[in-house]
N, C-alpha and C. Protein backbone atom coordinates (compact mmCIF):
# COMPACT_ATOMS: atom_id res chain seq x y z
N MET A 1 7.43 -0.57 7.62
CA MET A 1 7.51 -0.21 9.04
C MET A 1 6.30 0.64 9.43
N THR A 2 5.60 0.25 10.50
CA THR A 2 4.43 0.98 10.96
C THR A 2 4.83 1.99 12.03
N LEU A 3 4.46 3.24 11.81
CA LEU A 3 4.79 4.27 12.76
C LEU A 3 3.75 4.33 13.86
N GLU A 4 4.20 4.38 15.08
CA GLU A 4 3.28 4.51 16.22
C GLU A 4 2.76 5.95 16.29
N PRO A 5 1.48 6.14 16.65
CA PRO A 5 0.96 7.50 16.76
C PRO A 5 1.66 8.27 17.87
N GLY A 6 1.85 9.56 17.63
CA GLY A 6 2.51 10.41 18.60
C GLY A 6 1.57 10.82 19.72
N PRO A 7 2.09 11.56 20.71
CA PRO A 7 1.26 11.98 21.85
C PRO A 7 0.04 12.79 21.44
N ALA A 8 0.18 13.68 20.47
CA ALA A 8 -0.95 14.51 20.05
C ALA A 8 -2.05 13.65 19.44
N ALA A 9 -1.65 12.68 18.61
CA ALA A 9 -2.64 11.81 17.98
C ALA A 9 -3.35 10.94 19.01
N LEU A 10 -2.60 10.44 19.98
CA LEU A 10 -3.20 9.62 21.03
C LEU A 10 -4.16 10.43 21.89
N ALA A 11 -3.80 11.68 22.15
CA ALA A 11 -4.67 12.55 22.95
C ALA A 11 -5.96 12.85 22.18
N ALA A 12 -5.85 13.09 20.87
CA ALA A 12 -7.04 13.35 20.06
C ALA A 12 -7.95 12.13 20.02
N LEU A 13 -7.36 10.94 19.88
CA LEU A 13 -8.14 9.72 19.87
C LEU A 13 -8.87 9.52 21.19
N ALA A 14 -8.19 9.78 22.31
CA ALA A 14 -8.81 9.62 23.63
C ALA A 14 -9.95 10.60 23.81
N ALA A 15 -9.77 11.83 23.37
CA ALA A 15 -10.82 12.84 23.52
C ALA A 15 -12.04 12.49 22.68
N ARG A 16 -11.80 12.03 21.48
CA ARG A 16 -12.93 11.67 20.60
C ARG A 16 -13.64 10.42 21.11
N THR A 17 -12.89 9.48 21.65
CA THR A 17 -13.49 8.28 22.22
C THR A 17 -14.40 8.64 23.39
N LEU A 18 -13.97 9.56 24.22
CA LEU A 18 -14.79 10.01 25.34
C LEU A 18 -16.05 10.69 24.84
N LEU A 19 -15.91 11.54 23.83
CA LEU A 19 -17.08 12.22 23.28
C LEU A 19 -18.06 11.22 22.69
N ALA A 20 -17.53 10.23 21.97
CA ALA A 20 -18.40 9.22 21.37
C ALA A 20 -19.16 8.43 22.43
N SER A 21 -18.51 8.15 23.54
CA SER A 21 -19.16 7.38 24.60
C SER A 21 -20.35 8.12 25.19
N ARG A 22 -20.35 9.45 25.07
CA ARG A 22 -21.42 10.27 25.62
C ARG A 22 -22.49 10.62 24.59
N ALA A 23 -22.23 10.33 23.33
CA ALA A 23 -23.18 10.66 22.27
C ALA A 23 -24.39 9.72 22.32
N LYS A 24 -25.50 10.19 21.75
CA LYS A 24 -26.68 9.34 21.66
C LYS A 24 -26.38 8.14 20.76
N GLY A 25 -26.83 6.98 21.18
CA GLY A 25 -26.59 5.80 20.37
C GLY A 25 -26.72 4.53 21.17
N PHE A 26 -26.43 3.40 20.55
CA PHE A 26 -26.76 2.11 21.14
C PHE A 26 -25.59 1.13 21.13
N MET A 27 -24.37 1.63 21.10
CA MET A 27 -23.21 0.73 21.07
C MET A 27 -22.50 0.73 22.42
N PRO A 28 -22.44 -0.42 23.10
CA PRO A 28 -21.73 -0.50 24.39
C PRO A 28 -20.25 -0.22 24.20
N ASP A 29 -19.60 0.18 25.28
CA ASP A 29 -18.19 0.57 25.22
C ASP A 29 -17.29 -0.56 24.75
N ASP A 30 -17.59 -1.81 25.17
CA ASP A 30 -16.71 -2.91 24.76
C ASP A 30 -16.81 -3.18 23.26
N GLU A 31 -18.01 -3.06 22.72
CA GLU A 31 -18.16 -3.23 21.28
C GLU A 31 -17.52 -2.07 20.52
N ALA A 32 -17.64 -0.87 21.09
CA ALA A 32 -17.01 0.29 20.46
C ALA A 32 -15.49 0.13 20.41
N ALA A 33 -14.91 -0.37 21.48
CA ALA A 33 -13.46 -0.59 21.51
C ALA A 33 -13.06 -1.62 20.45
N ALA A 34 -13.86 -2.67 20.29
CA ALA A 34 -13.57 -3.68 19.28
C ALA A 34 -13.70 -3.11 17.88
N LEU A 35 -14.68 -2.24 17.68
CA LEU A 35 -14.85 -1.60 16.38
C LEU A 35 -13.66 -0.71 16.05
N ARG A 36 -13.19 0.04 17.03
CA ARG A 36 -12.00 0.88 16.80
C ARG A 36 -10.78 0.01 16.50
N GLY A 37 -10.65 -1.12 17.20
CA GLY A 37 -9.53 -2.01 16.94
C GLY A 37 -9.57 -2.57 15.52
N ALA A 38 -10.78 -2.93 15.07
CA ALA A 38 -10.91 -3.44 13.70
C ALA A 38 -10.58 -2.35 12.69
N ALA A 39 -11.02 -1.13 12.98
CA ALA A 39 -10.73 -0.02 12.08
C ALA A 39 -9.23 0.25 12.01
N ALA A 40 -8.56 0.12 13.14
CA ALA A 40 -7.11 0.34 13.16
C ALA A 40 -6.36 -0.69 12.34
N SER A 41 -6.99 -1.87 12.14
CA SER A 41 -6.36 -2.92 11.35
C SER A 41 -6.65 -2.78 9.86
N ALA A 42 -7.59 -1.91 9.51
CA ALA A 42 -7.97 -1.73 8.10
C ALA A 42 -6.93 -0.87 7.38
N ALA A 43 -6.76 -1.14 6.12
CA ALA A 43 -5.85 -0.33 5.32
C ALA A 43 -6.41 1.07 5.12
N PRO A 44 -5.55 2.07 5.01
CA PRO A 44 -6.04 3.42 4.70
C PRO A 44 -6.82 3.41 3.39
N GLY A 45 -7.84 4.21 3.34
CA GLY A 45 -8.67 4.26 2.14
C GLY A 45 -10.02 4.86 2.48
N VAL A 46 -11.04 4.46 1.74
CA VAL A 46 -12.41 4.92 1.99
C VAL A 46 -13.13 3.87 2.82
N TRP A 47 -13.77 4.34 3.90
CA TRP A 47 -14.59 3.48 4.75
C TRP A 47 -16.04 3.93 4.62
N LEU A 48 -16.96 2.99 4.75
CA LEU A 48 -18.38 3.30 4.65
C LEU A 48 -19.12 2.75 5.86
N GLU A 49 -19.88 3.63 6.51
CA GLU A 49 -20.75 3.25 7.61
C GLU A 49 -22.19 3.38 7.13
N ILE A 50 -22.97 2.32 7.29
CA ILE A 50 -24.39 2.35 6.96
C ILE A 50 -25.17 2.31 8.25
N GLY A 51 -25.88 3.40 8.53
CA GLY A 51 -26.61 3.55 9.78
C GLY A 51 -25.86 4.47 10.72
N THR A 52 -26.20 5.74 10.70
CA THR A 52 -25.45 6.77 11.43
C THR A 52 -26.08 7.12 12.77
N TYR A 53 -27.41 7.26 12.77
CA TYR A 53 -28.18 7.76 13.90
C TYR A 53 -27.61 9.12 14.31
N CYS A 54 -27.12 9.29 15.53
CA CYS A 54 -26.62 10.59 15.99
C CYS A 54 -25.10 10.67 15.99
N GLY A 55 -24.42 9.62 15.54
CA GLY A 55 -22.99 9.73 15.33
C GLY A 55 -22.09 9.06 16.35
N LYS A 56 -22.64 8.24 17.23
CA LYS A 56 -21.79 7.57 18.22
C LYS A 56 -20.72 6.71 17.54
N SER A 57 -21.15 5.74 16.75
CA SER A 57 -20.17 4.87 16.07
C SER A 57 -19.40 5.64 15.01
N THR A 58 -20.01 6.68 14.46
CA THR A 58 -19.33 7.51 13.47
C THR A 58 -18.08 8.15 14.06
N VAL A 59 -18.18 8.63 15.28
CA VAL A 59 -17.02 9.25 15.93
C VAL A 59 -15.99 8.19 16.30
N HIS A 60 -16.45 7.03 16.75
CA HIS A 60 -15.49 5.95 17.05
C HIS A 60 -14.68 5.60 15.80
N LEU A 61 -15.35 5.45 14.67
CA LEU A 61 -14.65 5.14 13.42
C LEU A 61 -13.85 6.33 12.92
N GLY A 62 -14.46 7.51 12.98
CA GLY A 62 -13.80 8.70 12.47
C GLY A 62 -12.54 9.04 13.24
N ALA A 63 -12.54 8.75 14.53
CA ALA A 63 -11.34 9.02 15.34
C ALA A 63 -10.16 8.21 14.84
N VAL A 64 -10.41 6.96 14.47
CA VAL A 64 -9.33 6.12 13.95
C VAL A 64 -8.97 6.55 12.53
N ALA A 65 -9.98 6.85 11.73
CA ALA A 65 -9.74 7.28 10.35
C ALA A 65 -8.86 8.52 10.30
N ALA A 66 -9.14 9.47 11.18
CA ALA A 66 -8.36 10.71 11.20
C ALA A 66 -6.90 10.45 11.51
N GLY A 67 -6.65 9.46 12.34
CA GLY A 67 -5.28 9.17 12.74
C GLY A 67 -4.45 8.46 11.70
N GLN A 68 -5.13 7.83 10.73
CA GLN A 68 -4.37 7.07 9.74
C GLN A 68 -4.61 7.53 8.31
N GLY A 69 -5.33 8.63 8.15
CA GLY A 69 -5.49 9.20 6.81
C GLY A 69 -6.58 8.56 5.98
N SER A 70 -7.51 7.86 6.60
CA SER A 70 -8.65 7.31 5.88
C SER A 70 -9.77 8.33 5.84
N HIS A 71 -10.74 8.08 4.96
CA HIS A 71 -11.92 8.95 4.91
C HIS A 71 -13.16 8.10 5.12
N LEU A 72 -14.03 8.55 6.01
CA LEU A 72 -15.24 7.82 6.37
C LEU A 72 -16.46 8.50 5.73
N VAL A 73 -17.24 7.71 5.02
CA VAL A 73 -18.54 8.15 4.53
C VAL A 73 -19.60 7.49 5.39
N THR A 74 -20.53 8.26 5.92
CA THR A 74 -21.58 7.69 6.75
C THR A 74 -22.93 7.95 6.08
N LEU A 75 -23.69 6.89 5.89
CA LEU A 75 -24.91 6.91 5.08
C LEU A 75 -26.13 6.61 5.94
N ASP A 76 -27.11 7.51 5.88
CA ASP A 76 -28.35 7.33 6.65
C ASP A 76 -29.39 8.30 6.09
N HIS A 77 -30.67 7.90 6.13
CA HIS A 77 -31.72 8.84 5.73
C HIS A 77 -32.11 9.76 6.89
N HIS A 78 -31.67 9.42 8.09
CA HIS A 78 -31.81 10.23 9.30
C HIS A 78 -33.25 10.41 9.79
N HIS A 79 -34.13 9.49 9.40
CA HIS A 79 -35.47 9.49 9.97
C HIS A 79 -35.68 8.31 10.91
N GLY A 80 -34.60 7.61 11.25
CA GLY A 80 -34.68 6.57 12.26
C GLY A 80 -35.14 5.22 11.73
N SER A 81 -34.71 4.17 12.43
CA SER A 81 -35.17 2.83 12.11
C SER A 81 -36.54 2.58 12.75
N GLU A 82 -37.07 1.41 12.52
CA GLU A 82 -38.41 1.09 13.02
C GLU A 82 -38.50 1.26 14.53
N GLU A 83 -37.45 0.79 15.24
CA GLU A 83 -37.49 0.82 16.70
C GLU A 83 -37.29 2.21 17.29
N ASN A 84 -36.98 3.20 16.44
CA ASN A 84 -36.80 4.58 16.90
C ASN A 84 -38.07 5.42 16.78
N GLN A 85 -39.09 4.83 16.18
CA GLN A 85 -40.31 5.61 15.91
C GLN A 85 -41.18 5.72 17.17
N PRO A 86 -42.08 6.73 17.21
CA PRO A 86 -42.96 6.91 18.38
C PRO A 86 -43.70 5.62 18.73
N GLY A 87 -43.71 5.34 20.02
CA GLY A 87 -44.38 4.14 20.51
C GLY A 87 -43.48 2.93 20.63
N TRP A 88 -42.24 3.03 20.09
CA TRP A 88 -41.31 1.92 20.16
C TRP A 88 -40.31 2.14 21.28
N GLN A 89 -39.61 1.07 21.63
CA GLN A 89 -38.74 1.07 22.82
C GLN A 89 -37.65 2.13 22.76
N TRP A 90 -37.05 2.34 21.59
CA TRP A 90 -35.88 3.20 21.50
C TRP A 90 -36.20 4.56 20.90
N HIS A 91 -37.42 5.03 21.14
CA HIS A 91 -37.82 6.35 20.64
C HIS A 91 -37.29 7.45 21.56
N ASP A 92 -36.78 8.52 20.94
CA ASP A 92 -36.28 9.69 21.68
C ASP A 92 -37.05 10.91 21.18
N GLN A 93 -37.95 11.40 22.01
CA GLN A 93 -38.83 12.49 21.61
C GLN A 93 -38.05 13.77 21.29
N SER A 94 -36.88 13.94 21.89
CA SER A 94 -36.09 15.15 21.65
C SER A 94 -35.57 15.24 20.22
N LEU A 95 -35.64 14.14 19.48
CA LEU A 95 -35.13 14.13 18.10
C LEU A 95 -36.23 14.39 17.07
N ILE A 96 -37.43 14.68 17.53
CA ILE A 96 -38.53 14.97 16.61
C ILE A 96 -38.40 16.41 16.10
N ASP A 97 -38.49 16.57 14.79
CA ASP A 97 -38.51 17.91 14.17
C ASP A 97 -39.89 18.51 14.39
N PRO A 98 -40.00 19.63 15.13
CA PRO A 98 -41.32 20.18 15.42
C PRO A 98 -42.07 20.67 14.18
N ARG A 99 -41.33 20.98 13.13
CA ARG A 99 -41.99 21.47 11.91
C ARG A 99 -42.63 20.34 11.11
N THR A 100 -41.89 19.21 10.99
CA THR A 100 -42.39 18.10 10.18
C THR A 100 -43.08 17.03 11.01
N GLY A 101 -42.76 16.98 12.32
CA GLY A 101 -43.29 15.93 13.16
C GLY A 101 -42.59 14.60 12.97
N ARG A 102 -41.50 14.59 12.20
CA ARG A 102 -40.77 13.35 11.94
C ARG A 102 -39.46 13.34 12.73
N LEU A 103 -39.00 12.13 13.00
CA LEU A 103 -37.69 11.98 13.62
C LEU A 103 -36.62 12.50 12.65
N ASP A 104 -35.69 13.28 13.17
CA ASP A 104 -34.60 13.82 12.34
C ASP A 104 -33.33 13.86 13.17
N THR A 105 -32.42 12.90 12.89
CA THR A 105 -31.19 12.80 13.66
C THR A 105 -30.03 13.58 13.05
N LEU A 106 -30.24 14.19 11.87
CA LEU A 106 -29.15 14.90 11.21
C LEU A 106 -28.60 16.07 12.02
N PRO A 107 -29.43 16.95 12.62
CA PRO A 107 -28.87 18.04 13.42
C PRO A 107 -27.99 17.54 14.57
N SER A 108 -28.41 16.45 15.21
CA SER A 108 -27.62 15.90 16.30
C SER A 108 -26.29 15.38 15.79
N LEU A 109 -26.31 14.72 14.63
CA LEU A 109 -25.06 14.23 14.04
C LEU A 109 -24.11 15.38 13.73
N ARG A 110 -24.62 16.43 13.13
CA ARG A 110 -23.76 17.56 12.75
C ARG A 110 -23.09 18.17 13.98
N ARG A 111 -23.84 18.28 15.07
CA ARG A 111 -23.24 18.82 16.29
C ARG A 111 -22.16 17.87 16.82
N THR A 112 -22.44 16.58 16.76
CA THR A 112 -21.48 15.60 17.27
C THR A 112 -20.18 15.64 16.48
N LEU A 113 -20.29 15.70 15.15
CA LEU A 113 -19.09 15.75 14.32
C LEU A 113 -18.30 17.04 14.53
N ALA A 114 -19.02 18.15 14.72
CA ALA A 114 -18.34 19.42 14.97
C ALA A 114 -17.60 19.37 16.30
N ASP A 115 -18.25 18.85 17.32
CA ASP A 115 -17.62 18.75 18.64
C ASP A 115 -16.38 17.86 18.59
N ALA A 116 -16.43 16.84 17.74
CA ALA A 116 -15.31 15.89 17.63
C ALA A 116 -14.20 16.39 16.70
N GLY A 117 -14.46 17.47 15.99
CA GLY A 117 -13.47 17.97 15.04
C GLY A 117 -13.23 17.02 13.88
N LEU A 118 -14.31 16.36 13.42
CA LEU A 118 -14.16 15.35 12.38
C LEU A 118 -14.84 15.74 11.07
N GLU A 119 -15.18 16.99 10.91
CA GLU A 119 -15.91 17.40 9.70
C GLU A 119 -15.09 17.25 8.43
N ASP A 120 -13.76 17.26 8.53
CA ASP A 120 -12.92 17.05 7.35
C ASP A 120 -12.64 15.58 7.09
N THR A 121 -12.91 14.74 8.08
CA THR A 121 -12.63 13.30 7.96
C THR A 121 -13.87 12.51 7.56
N VAL A 122 -15.05 13.03 7.89
CA VAL A 122 -16.30 12.31 7.67
C VAL A 122 -17.17 13.05 6.66
N SER A 123 -17.61 12.35 5.63
CA SER A 123 -18.60 12.88 4.69
C SER A 123 -19.96 12.30 5.05
N VAL A 124 -20.95 13.16 5.18
CA VAL A 124 -22.30 12.75 5.57
C VAL A 124 -23.16 12.62 4.31
N LEU A 125 -23.69 11.44 4.10
CA LEU A 125 -24.52 11.16 2.93
C LEU A 125 -25.94 10.91 3.42
N VAL A 126 -26.86 11.82 3.07
CA VAL A 126 -28.24 11.72 3.53
C VAL A 126 -29.09 11.13 2.41
N ALA A 127 -29.40 9.85 2.56
CA ALA A 127 -30.16 9.12 1.54
C ALA A 127 -30.46 7.73 2.08
N THR A 128 -31.27 6.99 1.36
CA THR A 128 -31.46 5.58 1.68
C THR A 128 -30.39 4.77 0.96
N THR A 129 -30.16 3.57 1.44
CA THR A 129 -29.17 2.72 0.77
C THR A 129 -29.66 2.34 -0.63
N GLN A 130 -30.97 2.27 -0.81
CA GLN A 130 -31.50 1.95 -2.14
C GLN A 130 -31.21 3.07 -3.14
N GLN A 131 -31.16 4.30 -2.66
CA GLN A 131 -30.83 5.42 -3.55
C GLN A 131 -29.36 5.41 -3.94
N VAL A 132 -28.50 5.04 -3.00
CA VAL A 132 -27.06 5.14 -3.22
C VAL A 132 -26.48 3.92 -3.94
N ALA A 133 -27.01 2.76 -3.67
CA ALA A 133 -26.44 1.52 -4.19
C ALA A 133 -26.22 1.51 -5.71
N PRO A 134 -27.14 2.02 -6.52
CA PRO A 134 -26.94 1.92 -7.97
C PRO A 134 -25.73 2.68 -8.50
N TRP A 135 -25.31 3.74 -7.80
CA TRP A 135 -24.20 4.53 -8.33
C TRP A 135 -22.91 4.41 -7.52
N TRP A 136 -22.94 3.67 -6.42
CA TRP A 136 -21.71 3.54 -5.61
C TRP A 136 -20.73 2.59 -6.30
N THR A 137 -19.51 3.08 -6.54
CA THR A 137 -18.48 2.25 -7.19
C THR A 137 -17.14 2.31 -6.45
N THR A 138 -17.04 3.08 -5.38
CA THR A 138 -15.75 3.28 -4.71
C THR A 138 -15.32 2.03 -3.95
N PRO A 139 -14.09 1.56 -4.16
CA PRO A 139 -13.58 0.43 -3.38
C PRO A 139 -13.47 0.82 -1.91
N LEU A 140 -13.70 -0.16 -1.04
CA LEU A 140 -13.70 0.08 0.40
C LEU A 140 -12.66 -0.79 1.09
N THR A 141 -12.04 -0.25 2.12
CA THR A 141 -11.19 -1.07 2.98
C THR A 141 -11.90 -1.39 4.30
N LEU A 142 -13.05 -0.77 4.54
CA LEU A 142 -13.86 -1.09 5.72
C LEU A 142 -15.31 -0.76 5.42
N LEU A 143 -16.21 -1.65 5.82
CA LEU A 143 -17.65 -1.44 5.74
C LEU A 143 -18.26 -1.82 7.07
N PHE A 144 -19.07 -0.91 7.64
CA PHE A 144 -19.77 -1.17 8.90
C PHE A 144 -21.26 -1.17 8.61
N LEU A 145 -21.90 -2.31 8.80
CA LEU A 145 -23.34 -2.45 8.57
C LEU A 145 -24.09 -2.34 9.88
N ASP A 146 -24.86 -1.25 10.01
CA ASP A 146 -25.65 -1.03 11.23
C ASP A 146 -26.89 -0.20 10.88
N GLY A 147 -27.48 -0.50 9.72
CA GLY A 147 -28.65 0.25 9.27
C GLY A 147 -29.94 -0.45 9.65
N SER A 148 -30.89 -0.44 8.74
CA SER A 148 -32.17 -1.11 8.99
C SER A 148 -31.95 -2.60 9.19
N HIS A 149 -32.66 -3.16 10.16
CA HIS A 149 -32.50 -4.57 10.47
C HIS A 149 -33.67 -5.41 9.98
N THR A 150 -34.43 -4.88 9.02
CA THR A 150 -35.40 -5.75 8.37
C THR A 150 -34.64 -6.70 7.44
N GLU A 151 -35.21 -7.86 7.20
CA GLU A 151 -34.51 -8.85 6.37
C GLU A 151 -34.23 -8.30 4.97
N GLU A 152 -35.21 -7.67 4.38
CA GLU A 152 -35.05 -7.17 3.01
C GLU A 152 -33.92 -6.15 2.91
N VAL A 153 -33.91 -5.18 3.81
CA VAL A 153 -32.92 -4.12 3.71
C VAL A 153 -31.54 -4.60 4.16
N ALA A 154 -31.47 -5.40 5.20
CA ALA A 154 -30.18 -5.93 5.64
C ALA A 154 -29.51 -6.74 4.54
N GLN A 155 -30.27 -7.58 3.85
CA GLN A 155 -29.71 -8.36 2.76
C GLN A 155 -29.33 -7.46 1.58
N HIS A 156 -30.15 -6.48 1.30
CA HIS A 156 -29.83 -5.52 0.24
C HIS A 156 -28.53 -4.80 0.52
N ASP A 157 -28.36 -4.33 1.74
CA ASP A 157 -27.16 -3.54 2.07
C ASP A 157 -25.90 -4.38 1.96
N TYR A 158 -25.98 -5.62 2.41
CA TYR A 158 -24.82 -6.50 2.27
C TYR A 158 -24.50 -6.73 0.80
N ALA A 159 -25.51 -7.10 0.02
CA ALA A 159 -25.28 -7.43 -1.38
C ALA A 159 -24.79 -6.23 -2.18
N ALA A 160 -25.31 -5.05 -1.85
CA ALA A 160 -24.98 -3.85 -2.62
C ALA A 160 -23.62 -3.28 -2.30
N PHE A 161 -23.18 -3.38 -1.04
CA PHE A 161 -21.97 -2.66 -0.64
C PHE A 161 -20.80 -3.55 -0.27
N ALA A 162 -21.05 -4.75 0.25
CA ALA A 162 -19.93 -5.61 0.65
C ALA A 162 -19.11 -6.05 -0.55
N ARG A 163 -19.69 -6.06 -1.73
CA ARG A 163 -18.95 -6.44 -2.94
C ARG A 163 -17.83 -5.45 -3.24
N HIS A 164 -17.91 -4.25 -2.67
CA HIS A 164 -16.89 -3.23 -2.92
C HIS A 164 -15.71 -3.31 -1.96
N ILE A 165 -15.77 -4.22 -0.98
CA ILE A 165 -14.66 -4.36 -0.04
C ILE A 165 -13.49 -5.04 -0.73
N LEU A 166 -12.33 -4.45 -0.63
CA LEU A 166 -11.13 -5.00 -1.24
C LEU A 166 -10.66 -6.24 -0.46
N PRO A 167 -9.95 -7.16 -1.12
CA PRO A 167 -9.38 -8.30 -0.38
C PRO A 167 -8.55 -7.82 0.81
N GLY A 168 -8.79 -8.45 1.96
CA GLY A 168 -8.14 -8.03 3.19
C GLY A 168 -8.90 -6.97 3.94
N GLY A 169 -9.95 -6.42 3.32
CA GLY A 169 -10.74 -5.37 3.96
C GLY A 169 -11.64 -5.91 5.05
N VAL A 170 -12.14 -5.00 5.88
CA VAL A 170 -12.92 -5.35 7.07
C VAL A 170 -14.41 -5.17 6.82
N LEU A 171 -15.19 -6.16 7.23
CA LEU A 171 -16.65 -6.05 7.28
C LEU A 171 -17.07 -6.20 8.74
N ALA A 172 -17.68 -5.17 9.29
CA ALA A 172 -18.21 -5.21 10.66
C ALA A 172 -19.72 -5.17 10.60
N VAL A 173 -20.37 -6.04 11.36
CA VAL A 173 -21.83 -6.12 11.38
C VAL A 173 -22.29 -6.02 12.82
N HIS A 174 -23.21 -5.11 13.08
CA HIS A 174 -23.68 -4.88 14.45
C HIS A 174 -25.06 -5.50 14.66
N ASP A 175 -25.39 -5.73 15.93
CA ASP A 175 -26.67 -6.29 16.35
C ASP A 175 -26.88 -7.70 15.78
N VAL A 176 -25.85 -8.51 15.90
CA VAL A 176 -25.90 -9.90 15.45
C VAL A 176 -26.30 -10.78 16.63
N PHE A 177 -27.46 -11.43 16.51
CA PHE A 177 -27.97 -12.26 17.61
C PHE A 177 -28.30 -13.65 17.07
N PRO A 178 -27.46 -14.65 17.36
CA PRO A 178 -27.77 -16.02 16.91
C PRO A 178 -29.07 -16.55 17.50
N ASP A 179 -29.39 -16.16 18.72
CA ASP A 179 -30.60 -16.61 19.39
C ASP A 179 -31.70 -15.57 19.19
N PRO A 180 -32.79 -15.92 18.53
CA PRO A 180 -33.86 -14.94 18.28
C PRO A 180 -34.49 -14.37 19.54
N ARG A 181 -34.27 -15.03 20.67
CA ARG A 181 -34.80 -14.49 21.93
C ARG A 181 -34.03 -13.23 22.35
N ASP A 182 -32.83 -13.04 21.81
CA ASP A 182 -32.01 -11.89 22.19
C ASP A 182 -32.20 -10.69 21.28
N GLY A 183 -32.69 -10.91 20.07
CA GLY A 183 -32.86 -9.80 19.13
C GLY A 183 -33.21 -10.31 17.75
N GLY A 184 -33.39 -9.36 16.83
CA GLY A 184 -33.76 -9.70 15.47
C GLY A 184 -32.69 -10.51 14.76
N GLN A 185 -33.11 -11.29 13.77
CA GLN A 185 -32.23 -12.22 13.08
C GLN A 185 -31.56 -11.72 11.80
N PRO A 186 -32.06 -10.68 11.12
CA PRO A 186 -31.46 -10.31 9.83
C PRO A 186 -29.95 -10.08 9.85
N PRO A 187 -29.36 -9.35 10.81
CA PRO A 187 -27.89 -9.22 10.78
C PRO A 187 -27.18 -10.56 10.94
N TRP A 188 -27.74 -11.47 11.73
CA TRP A 188 -27.18 -12.81 11.86
C TRP A 188 -27.22 -13.54 10.52
N HIS A 189 -28.31 -13.40 9.81
CA HIS A 189 -28.42 -14.02 8.50
C HIS A 189 -27.39 -13.46 7.52
N VAL A 190 -27.13 -12.16 7.62
CA VAL A 190 -26.13 -11.54 6.76
C VAL A 190 -24.75 -12.14 7.03
N VAL A 191 -24.40 -12.29 8.30
CA VAL A 191 -23.10 -12.87 8.65
C VAL A 191 -23.01 -14.30 8.14
N GLN A 192 -24.07 -15.08 8.32
CA GLN A 192 -24.05 -16.46 7.84
C GLN A 192 -23.91 -16.52 6.33
N ARG A 193 -24.52 -15.60 5.62
CA ARG A 193 -24.39 -15.54 4.17
C ARG A 193 -22.94 -15.23 3.78
N ALA A 194 -22.34 -14.26 4.46
CA ALA A 194 -20.97 -13.87 4.14
C ALA A 194 -19.99 -15.01 4.38
N LEU A 195 -20.19 -15.74 5.47
CA LEU A 195 -19.30 -16.84 5.80
C LEU A 195 -19.58 -18.08 4.95
N GLY A 196 -20.86 -18.31 4.68
CA GLY A 196 -21.26 -19.52 3.97
C GLY A 196 -20.76 -19.57 2.54
N HIS A 197 -20.62 -18.43 1.92
CA HIS A 197 -20.18 -18.39 0.54
C HIS A 197 -18.65 -18.30 0.43
N GLY A 198 -17.97 -18.23 1.58
CA GLY A 198 -16.52 -18.20 1.55
C GLY A 198 -15.92 -16.86 1.16
N THR A 199 -16.77 -15.86 1.07
CA THR A 199 -16.28 -14.53 0.69
C THR A 199 -15.53 -13.86 1.83
N PHE A 200 -15.93 -14.18 3.05
CA PHE A 200 -15.34 -13.57 4.24
C PHE A 200 -14.98 -14.65 5.26
N THR A 201 -14.05 -14.29 6.14
CA THR A 201 -13.68 -15.12 7.28
C THR A 201 -13.90 -14.30 8.55
N GLN A 202 -14.54 -14.90 9.55
CA GLN A 202 -14.75 -14.18 10.80
C GLN A 202 -13.46 -14.11 11.58
N VAL A 203 -13.14 -12.89 12.05
CA VAL A 203 -11.90 -12.68 12.79
C VAL A 203 -12.14 -12.14 14.20
N GLY A 204 -13.40 -11.86 14.54
CA GLY A 204 -13.67 -11.34 15.87
C GLY A 204 -15.14 -11.39 16.21
N GLU A 205 -15.43 -11.52 17.50
CA GLU A 205 -16.79 -11.54 18.02
C GLU A 205 -16.79 -10.84 19.37
N HIS A 206 -17.55 -9.76 19.48
CA HIS A 206 -17.57 -8.95 20.70
C HIS A 206 -19.00 -8.52 20.96
N GLY A 207 -19.67 -9.17 21.91
CA GLY A 207 -21.07 -8.87 22.15
C GLY A 207 -21.88 -9.16 20.89
N SER A 208 -22.61 -8.16 20.40
CA SER A 208 -23.40 -8.36 19.18
C SER A 208 -22.65 -7.90 17.93
N LEU A 209 -21.36 -7.60 18.07
CA LEU A 209 -20.55 -7.15 16.93
C LEU A 209 -19.76 -8.33 16.35
N ARG A 210 -19.86 -8.50 15.03
CA ARG A 210 -19.06 -9.51 14.35
C ARG A 210 -18.11 -8.81 13.41
N LEU A 211 -16.87 -9.29 13.39
CA LEU A 211 -15.82 -8.72 12.55
C LEU A 211 -15.35 -9.77 11.56
N LEU A 212 -15.39 -9.43 10.28
CA LEU A 212 -15.02 -10.35 9.22
C LEU A 212 -13.97 -9.69 8.33
N ARG A 213 -13.22 -10.54 7.62
CA ARG A 213 -12.22 -10.02 6.69
C ARG A 213 -12.44 -10.64 5.31
N ARG A 214 -12.34 -9.80 4.30
CA ARG A 214 -12.59 -10.25 2.91
C ARG A 214 -11.45 -11.15 2.44
N ASN A 215 -11.85 -12.31 1.94
CA ASN A 215 -10.87 -13.25 1.41
C ASN A 215 -10.43 -12.82 0.02
N ALA A 216 -9.31 -13.33 -0.41
CA ALA A 216 -8.77 -12.98 -1.73
C ALA A 216 -9.45 -13.83 -2.79
N VAL A 217 -10.72 -13.54 -3.03
CA VAL A 217 -11.48 -14.27 -4.04
C VAL A 217 -11.99 -13.27 -5.07
N THR A 218 -12.26 -13.75 -6.27
CA THR A 218 -12.71 -12.85 -7.32
C THR A 218 -14.21 -12.70 -7.36
N GLY A 219 -14.93 -13.78 -7.00
CA GLY A 219 -16.37 -13.74 -7.10
C GLY A 219 -17.04 -13.18 -5.85
N PHE A 220 -18.30 -12.79 -5.99
CA PHE A 220 -19.05 -12.31 -4.84
C PHE A 220 -20.48 -12.78 -5.01
N VAL A 221 -21.02 -13.36 -3.90
CA VAL A 221 -22.39 -13.87 -3.93
C VAL A 221 -23.20 -13.16 -2.87
């Protein structure tokens, strides 16, 4: 029997959703709602987000995790993706560390998590995926891929972390554009790889967000 959340839990979720909608980031509200819905369908356990930026999607996921007893790990080196660097379309000068001259989104994330009251629900891992992949062994009930969108790194992140998703677990991939005129292709290639090998089944499509579920198979390609 599934227990419905009480008034206090619903109020906390609504407050965190509002805060997330105002945080720096690049996820439209409809995609965020779909991501929260997918998270609500995931079994309690450890969830992993790859690509944190300033914490918009982190709060959307963390709000659901807090309500059902899951723990979210969010992984990012916090120096921004290619499109966040000076001279690129999505650069934010306010995120530059005046001492180093480099983009640093970690202080913004810490403030966002504190404001959302999610510091006990979310563990912040500051590293590259290449640093973490060799030692990560924790089974996952949800994985959200929204890190670097270069072909090499997108494929690496899928291969390194999606293998840890338990059968029935959720794989969410952001910035998926089948038409190259709309955006970069690496996340689309990742989804096609996941579906083509039969490891996952697509269960949702919302804007550039794709939602997949791990099939009950033993192998992983």
